[in-house]
Amino acid sequence: MKKFTKTVEDFICAHCGATVTGNGYTNHCPKCLWSRHVDNNPGDRASTCLGMMEPIAAESVSDGFIITHKCQKCGKTIRQHSAENDDIDTIIAISSNPDFIFGK
């Protein structure tokens, strides 16, 4: 079964209102890093939840950052690589969140 579907879409961020130009891998706003729970598998747009996904943690890895999002509606947690155009100040602010414990 295919686990990734490349879906090129532009969107308006439902959290901050920024206009986002998608590239087929874009799953969050590069300005505020919020996302929307639209996928069951990356890119499939099959989720019926549609809750807002809050960026709750970021950790440094060799090729950027891993951002952890948690759905405010259903509680699903996902981890996603950062993109080149993500706001580094927002990533730093999230990575210094002392209240985050993965899995909670």
C-alpha atoms as a PDB file:
ATOM      1  CA  MET A   1       0.000   0.000   0.000  1.00  0.00           C
ATOM      2  CA  LYS A   2       1.312   3.428  -0.963  1.00  0.00           C
ATOM      3  CA  LYS A   3       2.063   5.499   2.155  1.00  0.00           C
ATOM      4  CA  PHE A   4       2.763   8.897   0.554  1.00  0.00           C
ATOM      5  CA  THR A   5       0.846  10.890  -2.013  1.00  0.00           C
ATOM      6  CA  LYS A   6       2.486  14.026  -3.395  1.00  0.00           C
ATOM      7  CA  THR A   7      -0.249  16.679  -3.349  1.00  0.00           C
ATOM      8  CA  VAL A   8       0.643  20.186  -4.556  1.00  0.00           C
ATOM      9  CA  GLU A   9      -1.729  22.695  -2.951  1.00  0.00           C
ATOM     10  CA  ASP A  10      -1.621  26.343  -1.959  1.00  0.00           C
ATOM     11  CA  PHE A  11      -3.602  27.332   1.129  1.00  0.00           C
ATOM     12  CA  ILE A  12      -4.399  30.074   3.600  1.00  0.00           C
ATOM     13  CA  CYS A  13      -3.218  29.177   7.097  1.00  0.00           C
ATOM     14  CA  ALA A  14      -6.262  28.709   9.327  1.00  0.00           C
ATOM     15  CA  HIS A  15      -4.200  29.790  12.350  1.00  0.00           C
ATOM     16  CA  CYS A  16      -2.352  32.956  11.271  1.00  0.00           C
ATOM     17  CA  GLY A  17      -3.867  33.747   7.853  1.00  0.00           C
ATOM     18  CA  ALA A  18      -0.597  33.555   5.900  1.00  0.00           C
ATOM     19  CA  THR A  19      -0.763  32.593   2.229  1.00  0.00           C
ATOM     20  CA  VAL A  20       1.218  29.368   1.774  1.00  0.00           C
ATOM     21  CA  THR A  21       2.518  28.115  -1.574  1.00  0.00           C
ATOM     22  CA  GLY A  22       2.683  24.319  -1.531  1.00  0.00           C
ATOM     23  CA  ASN A  23       5.313  22.197  -3.248  1.00  0.00           C
ATOM     24  CA  GLY A  24       3.807  18.733  -2.849  1.00  0.00           C
ATOM     25  CA  TYR A  25       5.469  18.148   0.500  1.00  0.00           C
ATOM     26  CA  THR A  26       4.098  21.184   2.364  1.00  0.00           C
ATOM     27  CA  ASN A  27       2.037  20.177   5.375  1.00  0.00           C
ATOM     28  CA  HIS A  28       2.276  23.212   7.638  1.00  0.00           C
ATOM     29  CA  CYS A  29       2.473  26.995   7.569  1.00  0.00           C
ATOM     30  CA  PRO A  30       6.106  28.158   7.376  1.00  0.00           C
ATOM     31  CA  LYS A  31       5.274  31.287   9.393  1.00  0.00           C
ATOM     32  CA  CYS A  32       3.496  29.901  12.494  1.00  0.00           C
ATOM     33  CA  LEU A  33       4.180  26.159  11.854  1.00  0.00           C
ATOM     34  CA  TRP A  34       0.537  25.195  12.513  1.00  0.00           C
ATOM     35  CA  SER A  35      -1.061  22.534  10.341  1.00  0.00           C
ATOM     36  CA  ARG A  36      -4.458  20.956   9.778  1.00  0.00           C
ATOM     37  CA  HIS A  37      -5.334  17.282  10.323  1.00  0.00           C
ATOM     38  CA  VAL A  38      -6.286  16.421   6.728  1.00  0.00           C
ATOM     39  CA  ASP A  39      -4.314  13.201   6.095  1.00  0.00           C
ATOM     40  CA  ASN A  40      -4.487   9.615   7.318  1.00  0.00           C
ATOM     41  CA  ASN A  41      -1.283   8.875   5.365  1.00  0.00           C
ATOM     42  CA  PRO A  42       0.875  11.803   4.176  1.00  0.00           C
ATOM     43  CA  GLY A  43      -0.766  13.595   1.249  1.00  0.00           C
ATOM     44  CA  ASP A  44      -3.902  11.452   0.952  1.00  0.00           C
ATOM     45  CA  ARG A  45      -6.337  14.143   2.240  1.00  0.00           C
ATOM     46  CA  ALA A  46      -8.505  11.295   3.605  1.00  0.00           C
ATOM     47  CA  SER A  47      -8.894  12.406   7.244  1.00  0.00           C
ATOM     48  CA  THR A  48     -12.337  13.592   8.277  1.00  0.00           C
ATOM     49  CA  CYS A  49     -11.020  15.139  11.516  1.00  0.00           C
ATOM     50  CA  LEU A  50      -9.879  18.495  10.046  1.00  0.00           C
ATOM     51  CA  GLY A  51      -8.722  19.673  13.491  1.00  0.00           C
ATOM     52  CA  MET A  52      -5.950  22.211  13.918  1.00  0.00           C
ATOM     53  CA  MET A  53      -2.522  20.690  14.521  1.00  0.00           C
ATOM     54  CA  GLU A  54      -0.513  22.695  17.039  1.00  0.00           C
ATOM     55  CA  PRO A  55       3.289  22.639  16.781  1.00  0.00           C
ATOM     56  CA  ILE A  56       4.213  21.471  20.271  1.00  0.00           C
ATOM     57  CA  ALA A  57       7.891  20.540  19.940  1.00  0.00           C
ATOM     58  CA  ALA A  58      10.876  20.810  17.633  1.00  0.00           C
ATOM     59  CA  GLU A  59      14.136  18.931  17.831  1.00  0.00           C
ATOM     60  CA  SER A  60      17.342  19.417  15.906  1.00  0.00           C
ATOM     61  CA  VAL A  61      18.415  16.650  13.515  1.00  0.00           C
ATOM     62  CA  SER A  62      21.293  16.502  11.035  1.00  0.00           C
ATOM     63  CA  ASP A  63      19.248  17.894   8.123  1.00  0.00           C
ATOM     64  CA  GLY A  64      17.097  20.486   9.944  1.00  0.00           C
ATOM     65  CA  PHE A  65      14.416  19.953  12.554  1.00  0.00           C
ATOM     66  CA  ILE A  66      11.641  17.515  13.351  1.00  0.00           C
ATOM     67  CA  ILE A  67       8.449  19.356  14.305  1.00  0.00           C
ATOM     68  CA  THR A  68       5.870  17.535  16.400  1.00  0.00           C
ATOM     69  CA  HIS A  69       2.230  18.500  15.843  1.00  0.00           C
ATOM     70  CA  LYS A  70      -0.719  17.541  18.048  1.00  0.00           C
ATOM     71  CA  CYS A  71      -4.305  17.713  16.812  1.00  0.00           C
ATOM     72  CA  GLN A  72      -6.415  19.899  19.076  1.00  0.00           C
ATOM     73  CA  LYS A  73      -9.556  17.978  18.087  1.00  0.00           C
ATOM     74  CA  CYS A  74      -8.646  14.260  18.234  1.00  0.00           C
ATOM     75  CA  GLY A  75      -5.229  14.308  19.938  1.00  0.00           C
ATOM     76  CA  LYS A  76      -3.280  12.575  17.138  1.00  0.00           C
ATOM     77  CA  THR A  77       0.431  13.375  17.261  1.00  0.00           C
ATOM     78  CA  ILE A  78       2.646  13.404  14.155  1.00  0.00           C
ATOM     79  CA  ARG A  79       6.282  14.285  13.493  1.00  0.00           C
ATOM     80  CA  GLN A  80       7.320  16.134  10.335  1.00  0.00           C
ATOM     81  CA  HIS A  81      10.599  17.438   8.940  1.00  0.00           C
ATOM     82  CA  SER A  82      10.966  21.190   8.814  1.00  0.00           C
ATOM     83  CA  ALA A  83      11.072  22.967   5.467  1.00  0.00           C
ATOM     84  CA  GLU A  84      13.743  25.391   4.225  1.00  0.00           C
ATOM     85  CA  ASN A  85      11.363  28.337   4.475  1.00  0.00           C
ATOM     86  CA  ASP A  86      10.123  27.627   8.028  1.00  0.00           C
ATOM     87  CA  ASP A  87      10.517  30.540  10.450  1.00  0.00           C
ATOM     88  CA  ILE A  88      13.598  29.687  12.512  1.00  0.00           C
ATOM     89  CA  ASP A  89      12.549  31.943  15.412  1.00  0.00           C
ATOM     90  CA  THR A  90       9.275  30.014  15.711  1.00  0.00           C
ATOM     91  CA  ILE A  91      11.147  26.700  15.606  1.00  0.00           C
ATOM     92  CA  ILE A  92      13.490  27.886  18.375  1.00  0.00           C
ATOM     93  CA  ALA A  93      10.555  29.059  20.503  1.00  0.00           C
ATOM     94  CA  ILE A  94       8.830  25.680  20.133  1.00  0.00           C
ATOM     95  CA  SER A  95      12.021  23.726  20.805  1.00  0.00           C
ATOM     96  CA  SER A  96      12.457  25.515  24.115  1.00  0.00           C
ATOM     97  CA  ASN A  97       8.959  24.491  25.324  1.00  0.00           C
ATOM     98  CA  PRO A  98       9.618  23.036  28.815  1.00  0.00           C
ATOM     99  CA  ASP A  99       6.080  21.626  29.134  1.00  0.00           C
ATOM    100  CA  PHE A 100       6.382  19.188  26.237  1.00  0.00           C
ATOM    101  CA  ILE A 101       6.794  15.478  26.925  1.00  0.00           C
ATOM    102  CA  PHE A 102       6.503  13.371  23.749  1.00  0.00           C
ATOM    103  CA  GLY A 103       3.456  11.115  23.787  1.00  0.00           C
ATOM    104  CA  LYS A 104       1.386  13.189  26.198  1.00  0.00           C
END
